[in-house]
Structure formats: C-alpha cells, structure tokens
Amino acid sequence: MLGYSVGALLVVIGGCILAISTGWELPYELLLAGLDWLRTNTWESLILAILIMILGILPFLKPRKSIDHTFRTVSQLGEVRVTVDAIGDLIVRSAQNKNEVRLVKPLIKQREDGLEILLDCQFNFETVIPEVSEQLQTQIKEDVERFTGIKVAEVKVLARRLDPVQTNRPPRVR
C-alpha cells in the first residue's frame, strides 16, 4: 500500500515538474503559495514535517515477513526441509502412473495435522471417477509420506475435465 502511495506521489511530482518546464504557471504558483504557507504557519509545518518523516521511516521499522515455502521434518541428525515444488513434482509423477489420469495440478496447504493436498485432475473419458479418485488419493498419500516423511492429513480430488483417450487417428473437424 505504501509503495502505491509513493508511486502516486512521484507521478504527481513528475507531472508538476513537466507542467512547470513547459511554461504552465498554475503548478508554479501553487508551489510558491504552499511554500509561503509553510513559512508563515510554523506549528502546522512542524507537525506536517514530523508526520512525513514518520511515514518515511515506517517501511524501515516494519519487519519483513519471510515467506516459508518449505515443509520441515526432523530426523536424528537434524532437520530436513522439502519445498512445495518438490512435493508437487512428486505428486505429478505419482499421478502419472495411473493410465486414467491425463493431467494433474496439485495445490498444497499446511495444516496442523499435516498437509492438505488438492488435486485438480483431468481424466480420460471412460474413467470411473470415484474408483480412480480413491486409488489416486491412497497412492498420493502413501508416496508423499514415504518419500518426504511429511504427514498427509487429506487428499482432495477435483475432476475438472474428461478428455477422450488419445489415439493415433487425426482429430475430426466439425
């Protein structure tokens, strides 16, 4: 939010400088009137200067949030961190072992009781979705827990599209 405010202020200042340099008198007169007001109203100018300085210092005082895109497990020798991308790759490879699954896009969230995995899937047309989804959920849960050591609380499957099985025939034109 502060970045947008600073950006807007810089655009206004740049516009005023452009207007003054091209001979437009209004911004110049407003600038002179503002400077004259600052000189004659010392208390208001002092308060305004303090507020501007505080707003300028705030970004430096505000602690930056570190976005942690890793999941941590503890071993006997220390900790192991696994990135979200690595878990996503593992999920995609595990799902590709099923012939009925055409495409899968995982979304991984951390919960207190383990990972919540949402699978956005594209199945072949003649797939029995409840049966294959249950097999997929079991496979994904087992693979993620076995290869990463991270507990999986829930695996949700969203059947987004059903595509016909690809054959060697050229596509028909309608």
C-alpha atoms as a PDB file:
ATOM      1  CA  MET A   1       0.000   0.000   0.000  1.00  0.00           C
ATOM      2  CA  LEU A   2       2.802   2.350   0.875  1.00  0.00           C
ATOM      3  CA  GLY A   3       4.512   1.561  -2.422  1.00  0.00           C
ATOM      4  CA  TYR A   4       1.423   2.636  -4.365  1.00  0.00           C
ATOM      5  CA  SER A   5       1.231   5.873  -2.357  1.00  0.00           C
ATOM      6  CA  VAL A   6       4.892   6.672  -3.028  1.00  0.00           C
ATOM      7  CA  GLY A   7       4.429   5.831  -6.699  1.00  0.00           C
ATOM      8  CA  ALA A   8       1.394   8.119  -6.987  1.00  0.00           C
ATOM      9  CA  LEU A   9       3.289  10.916  -5.239  1.00  0.00           C
ATOM     10  CA  LEU A  10       6.205  10.564  -7.645  1.00  0.00           C
ATOM     11  CA  VAL A  11       3.840  10.677 -10.630  1.00  0.00           C
ATOM     12  CA  VAL A  12       2.263  13.902  -9.307  1.00  0.00           C
ATOM     13  CA  ILE A  13       5.684  15.472  -8.677  1.00  0.00           C
ATOM     14  CA  GLY A  14       6.847  14.463 -12.156  1.00  0.00           C
ATOM     15  CA  GLY A  15       3.674  15.932 -13.681  1.00  0.00           C
ATOM     16  CA  CYS A  16       4.186  19.211 -11.839  1.00  0.00           C
ATOM     17  CA  ILE A  17       7.807  19.460 -12.982  1.00  0.00           C
ATOM     18  CA  LEU A  18       6.716  18.724 -16.556  1.00  0.00           C
ATOM     19  CA  ALA A  19       3.982  21.374 -16.376  1.00  0.00           C
ATOM     20  CA  ILE A  20       6.344  23.995 -14.937  1.00  0.00           C
ATOM     21  CA  SER A  21       9.049  23.236 -17.510  1.00  0.00           C
ATOM     22  CA  THR A  22       6.573  23.634 -20.391  1.00  0.00           C
ATOM     23  CA  GLY A  23       5.544  27.074 -19.166  1.00  0.00           C
ATOM     24  CA  TRP A  24       2.324  26.336 -17.330  1.00  0.00           C
ATOM     25  CA  GLU A  25       2.077  28.859 -14.475  1.00  0.00           C
ATOM     26  CA  LEU A  26      -0.517  27.190 -12.207  1.00  0.00           C
ATOM     27  CA  PRO A  27       1.719  24.496 -10.647  1.00  0.00           C
ATOM     28  CA  TYR A  28       4.465  27.081 -10.103  1.00  0.00           C
ATOM     29  CA  GLU A  29       2.047  29.466  -8.381  1.00  0.00           C
ATOM     30  CA  LEU A  30       0.618  26.660  -6.248  1.00  0.00           C
ATOM     31  CA  LEU A  31       4.137  25.622  -5.244  1.00  0.00           C
ATOM     32  CA  LEU A  32       5.036  29.192  -4.252  1.00  0.00           C
ATOM     33  CA  ALA A  33       1.781  29.555  -2.296  1.00  0.00           C
ATOM     34  CA  GLY A  34       2.439  26.253  -0.497  1.00  0.00           C
ATOM     35  CA  LEU A  35       5.984  27.250   0.424  1.00  0.00           C
ATOM     36  CA  ASP A  36       4.729  30.627   1.666  1.00  0.00           C
ATOM     37  CA  TRP A  37       2.078  28.833   3.780  1.00  0.00           C
ATOM     38  CA  LEU A  38       4.753  26.544   5.280  1.00  0.00           C
ATOM     39  CA  ARG A  39       6.880  29.567   6.227  1.00  0.00           C
ATOM     40  CA  THR A  40       4.030  31.511   7.867  1.00  0.00           C
ATOM     41  CA  ASN A  41       2.390  28.579   9.721  1.00  0.00           C
ATOM     42  CA  THR A  42       5.303  27.158  11.704  1.00  0.00           C
ATOM     43  CA  TRP A  43       3.396  24.833  14.066  1.00  0.00           C
ATOM     44  CA  GLU A  44       1.344  23.258  11.301  1.00  0.00           C
ATOM     45  CA  SER A  45       4.509  22.928   9.189  1.00  0.00           C
ATOM     46  CA  LEU A  46       6.308  21.266  12.102  1.00  0.00           C
ATOM     47  CA  ILE A  47       3.504  18.714  12.611  1.00  0.00           C
ATOM     48  CA  LEU A  48       3.319  18.038   8.867  1.00  0.00           C
ATOM     49  CA  ALA A  49       7.109  17.549   8.670  1.00  0.00           C
ATOM     50  CA  ILE A  50       7.068  15.109  11.620  1.00  0.00           C
ATOM     51  CA  LEU A  51       4.218  13.083  10.073  1.00  0.00           C
ATOM     52  CA  ILE A  52       6.005  12.867   6.726  1.00  0.00           C
ATOM     53  CA  MET A  53       9.238  11.778   8.425  1.00  0.00           C
ATOM     54  CA  ILE A  54       7.404   9.080  10.421  1.00  0.00           C
ATOM     55  CA  LEU A  55       5.754   7.782   7.240  1.00  0.00           C
ATOM     56  CA  GLY A  56       9.182   7.726   5.578  1.00  0.00           C
ATOM     57  CA  ILE A  57      10.747   5.747   8.447  1.00  0.00           C
ATOM     58  CA  LEU A  58       7.919   3.180   8.824  1.00  0.00           C
ATOM     59  CA  PRO A  59       8.982   0.898   5.943  1.00  0.00           C
ATOM     60  CA  PHE A  60      12.400   0.516   7.561  1.00  0.00           C
ATOM     61  CA  LEU A  61      10.984  -0.302  11.008  1.00  0.00           C
ATOM     62  CA  LYS A  62       8.340  -2.786   9.874  1.00  0.00           C
ATOM     63  CA  PRO A  63       9.741  -6.311   9.995  1.00  0.00           C
ATOM     64  CA  ARG A  64       9.585  -8.144   6.715  1.00  0.00           C
ATOM     65  CA  LYS A  65       7.657 -11.386   6.660  1.00  0.00           C
ATOM     66  CA  SER A  66       9.647 -14.307   5.408  1.00  0.00           C
ATOM     67  CA  ILE A  67       7.514 -16.473   3.202  1.00  0.00           C
ATOM     68  CA  ASP A  68       8.348 -20.064   4.035  1.00  0.00           C
ATOM     69  CA  HIS A  69       7.611 -22.301   1.066  1.00  0.00           C
ATOM     70  CA  THR A  70       9.122 -25.367   2.656  1.00  0.00           C
ATOM     71  CA  PHE A  71       7.875 -28.103   4.941  1.00  0.00           C
ATOM     72  CA  ARG A  72      10.103 -29.266   7.764  1.00  0.00           C
ATOM     73  CA  THR A  73      10.661 -32.738   9.143  1.00  0.00           C
ATOM     74  CA  VAL A  74      13.034 -33.661  11.928  1.00  0.00           C
ATOM     75  CA  SER A  75      15.479 -36.562  11.724  1.00  0.00           C
ATOM     76  CA  GLN A  76      18.008 -37.884  14.223  1.00  0.00           C
ATOM     77  CA  LEU A  77      20.791 -35.793  12.684  1.00  0.00           C
ATOM     78  CA  GLY A  78      18.850 -32.567  12.235  1.00  0.00           C
ATOM     79  CA  GLU A  79      16.068 -31.123  10.172  1.00  0.00           C
ATOM     80  CA  VAL A  80      15.097 -31.738   6.569  1.00  0.00           C
ATOM     81  CA  ARG A  81      13.199 -29.170   4.515  1.00  0.00           C
ATOM     82  CA  VAL A  82      11.213 -30.095   1.424  1.00  0.00           C
ATOM     83  CA  THR A  83       9.944 -27.376  -0.913  1.00  0.00           C
ATOM     84  CA  VAL A  84       6.395 -27.135  -2.192  1.00  0.00           C
ATOM     85  CA  ASP A  85       7.722 -27.568  -5.737  1.00  0.00           C
ATOM     86  CA  ALA A  86       9.438 -30.841  -4.825  1.00  0.00           C
ATOM     87  CA  ILE A  87       6.242 -32.202  -3.263  1.00  0.00           C
ATOM     88  CA  GLY A  88       4.277 -31.034  -6.312  1.00  0.00           C
ATOM     89  CA  ASP A  89       6.665 -32.847  -8.651  1.00  0.00           C
ATOM     90  CA  LEU A  90       6.351 -35.990  -6.546  1.00  0.00           C
ATOM     91  CA  ILE A  91       2.552 -35.783  -6.720  1.00  0.00           C
ATOM     92  CA  VAL A  92       2.534 -35.292 -10.501  1.00  0.00           C
ATOM     93  CA  ARG A  93       4.876 -38.235 -11.062  1.00  0.00           C
ATOM     94  CA  SER A  94       2.818 -40.418  -8.745  1.00  0.00           C
ATOM     95  CA  ALA A  95      -0.411 -39.495 -10.544  1.00  0.00           C
ATOM     96  CA  GLN A  96       1.106 -40.134 -13.967  1.00  0.00           C
ATOM     97  CA  ASN A  97       1.442 -43.819 -13.035  1.00  0.00           C
ATOM     98  CA  LYS A  98      -2.338 -44.124 -13.426  1.00  0.00           C
ATOM     99  CA  ASN A  99      -3.419 -44.603 -17.039  1.00  0.00           C
ATOM    100  CA  GLU A 100      -6.794 -42.958 -16.404  1.00  0.00           C
ATOM    101  CA  VAL A 101      -5.236 -39.654 -15.302  1.00  0.00           C
ATOM    102  CA  ARG A 102      -4.397 -37.305 -18.165  1.00  0.00           C
ATOM    103  CA  LEU A 103      -3.247 -34.252 -16.217  1.00  0.00           C
ATOM    104  CA  VAL A 104      -2.956 -33.275 -12.557  1.00  0.00           C
ATOM    105  CA  LYS A 105      -2.211 -29.918 -10.936  1.00  0.00           C
ATOM    106  CA  PRO A 106      -1.566 -30.098  -7.180  1.00  0.00           C
ATOM    107  CA  LEU A 107      -2.231 -27.370  -4.624  1.00  0.00           C
ATOM    108  CA  ILE A 108      -0.560 -27.972  -1.267  1.00  0.00           C
ATOM    109  CA  LYS A 109      -1.516 -26.333   2.041  1.00  0.00           C
ATOM    110  CA  GLN A 110      -0.072 -26.776   5.514  1.00  0.00           C
ATOM    111  CA  ARG A 111      -2.428 -27.682   8.359  1.00  0.00           C
ATOM    112  CA  GLU A 112      -1.736 -28.516  11.979  1.00  0.00           C
ATOM    113  CA  ASP A 113      -2.474 -32.202  11.415  1.00  0.00           C
ATOM    114  CA  GLY A 114      -0.443 -32.480   8.170  1.00  0.00           C
ATOM    115  CA  LEU A 115      -0.593 -31.481   4.536  1.00  0.00           C
ATOM    116  CA  GLU A 116      -3.830 -30.820   2.688  1.00  0.00           C
ATOM    117  CA  ILE A 117      -3.421 -31.691  -0.978  1.00  0.00           C
ATOM    118  CA  LEU A 118      -5.949 -30.607  -3.593  1.00  0.00           C
ATOM    119  CA  LEU A 119      -5.615 -32.349  -6.946  1.00  0.00           C
ATOM    120  CA  ASP A 120      -7.099 -30.601  -9.968  1.00  0.00           C
ATOM    121  CA  CYS A 121      -7.390 -33.578 -12.321  1.00  0.00           C
ATOM    122  CA  GLN A 122      -8.213 -34.250 -15.921  1.00  0.00           C
ATOM    123  CA  PHE A 123      -9.333 -37.836 -16.501  1.00  0.00           C
ATOM    124  CA  ASN A 124      -9.836 -39.944 -19.604  1.00  0.00           C
ATOM    125  CA  PHE A 125     -13.424 -40.007 -20.814  1.00  0.00           C
ATOM    126  CA  GLU A 126     -14.353 -43.568 -19.819  1.00  0.00           C
ATOM    127  CA  THR A 127     -12.894 -43.331 -16.312  1.00  0.00           C
ATOM    128  CA  VAL A 128     -14.957 -44.337 -13.277  1.00  0.00           C
ATOM    129  CA  ILE A 129     -14.143 -41.210 -11.318  1.00  0.00           C
ATOM    130  CA  PRO A 130     -14.947 -42.329  -7.719  1.00  0.00           C
ATOM    131  CA  GLU A 131     -12.921 -45.524  -8.075  1.00  0.00           C
ATOM    132  CA  VAL A 132      -9.884 -43.929  -9.704  1.00  0.00           C
ATOM    133  CA  SER A 133     -10.018 -40.934  -7.360  1.00  0.00           C
ATOM    134  CA  GLU A 134      -9.879 -43.187  -4.312  1.00  0.00           C
ATOM    135  CA  GLN A 135      -6.904 -45.080  -5.746  1.00  0.00           C
ATOM    136  CA  LEU A 136      -5.224 -41.775  -6.591  1.00  0.00           C
ATOM    137  CA  GLN A 137      -5.800 -40.404  -3.084  1.00  0.00           C
ATOM    138  CA  THR A 138      -4.293 -43.512  -1.496  1.00  0.00           C
ATOM    139  CA  GLN A 139      -1.306 -43.519  -3.871  1.00  0.00           C
ATOM    140  CA  ILE A 140      -0.550 -39.814  -3.371  1.00  0.00           C
ATOM    141  CA  LYS A 141      -0.835 -40.056   0.429  1.00  0.00           C
ATOM    142  CA  GLU A 142       1.462 -43.092   0.578  1.00  0.00           C
ATOM    143  CA  ASP A 143       4.054 -41.649  -1.813  1.00  0.00           C
ATOM    144  CA  VAL A 144       4.282 -38.227  -0.149  1.00  0.00           C
ATOM    145  CA  GLU A 145       4.555 -39.733   3.333  1.00  0.00           C
ATOM    146  CA  ARG A 146       7.095 -42.369   2.228  1.00  0.00           C
ATOM    147  CA  PHE A 147       9.399 -40.119   0.184  1.00  0.00           C
ATOM    148  CA  THR A 148       9.242 -36.925   2.283  1.00  0.00           C
ATOM    149  CA  GLY A 149       8.367 -38.106   5.776  1.00  0.00           C
ATOM    150  CA  ILE A 150       5.661 -35.438   5.963  1.00  0.00           C
ATOM    151  CA  LYS A 151       2.235 -36.494   7.226  1.00  0.00           C
ATOM    152  CA  VAL A 152      -0.648 -36.030   4.798  1.00  0.00           C
ATOM    153  CA  ALA A 153      -3.936 -35.168   6.502  1.00  0.00           C
ATOM    154  CA  GLU A 154      -6.198 -35.073   3.459  1.00  0.00           C
ATOM    155  CA  VAL A 155      -6.134 -35.527  -0.306  1.00  0.00           C
ATOM    156  CA  LYS A 156      -8.995 -33.930  -2.227  1.00  0.00           C
ATOM    157  CA  VAL A 157      -9.679 -34.639  -5.898  1.00  0.00           C
ATOM    158  CA  LEU A 158     -11.443 -32.253  -8.251  1.00  0.00           C
ATOM    159  CA  ALA A 159     -12.390 -33.776 -11.604  1.00  0.00           C
ATOM    160  CA  ARG A 160     -12.089 -30.767 -13.869  1.00  0.00           C
ATOM    161  CA  ARG A 161     -12.402 -32.277 -17.358  1.00  0.00           C
ATOM    162  CA  LEU A 162     -12.933 -35.577 -19.095  1.00  0.00           C
ATOM    163  CA  ASP A 163     -10.969 -35.987 -22.302  1.00  0.00           C
ATOM    164  CA  PRO A 164     -11.337 -38.785 -24.802  1.00  0.00           C
ATOM    165  CA  VAL A 165      -8.456 -41.211 -24.936  1.00  0.00           C
ATOM    166  CA  GLN A 166      -5.871 -40.090 -27.458  1.00  0.00           C
ATOM    167  CA  THR A 167      -5.412 -42.472 -30.356  1.00  0.00           C
ATOM    168  CA  ASN A 168      -3.292 -42.303 -33.474  1.00  0.00           C
ATOM    169  CA  ARG A 169      -6.232 -41.040 -35.528  1.00  0.00           C
ATOM    170  CA  PRO A 170      -6.138 -37.405 -36.627  1.00  0.00           C
ATOM    171  CA  PRO A 171      -8.676 -35.138 -34.901  1.00  0.00           C
ATOM    172  CA  ARG A 172     -12.017 -34.677 -36.630  1.00  0.00           C
ATOM    173  CA  VAL A 173     -13.005 -31.269 -37.864  1.00  0.00           C
ATOM    174  CA  ARG A 174     -16.562 -30.182 -37.115  1.00  0.00           C
END
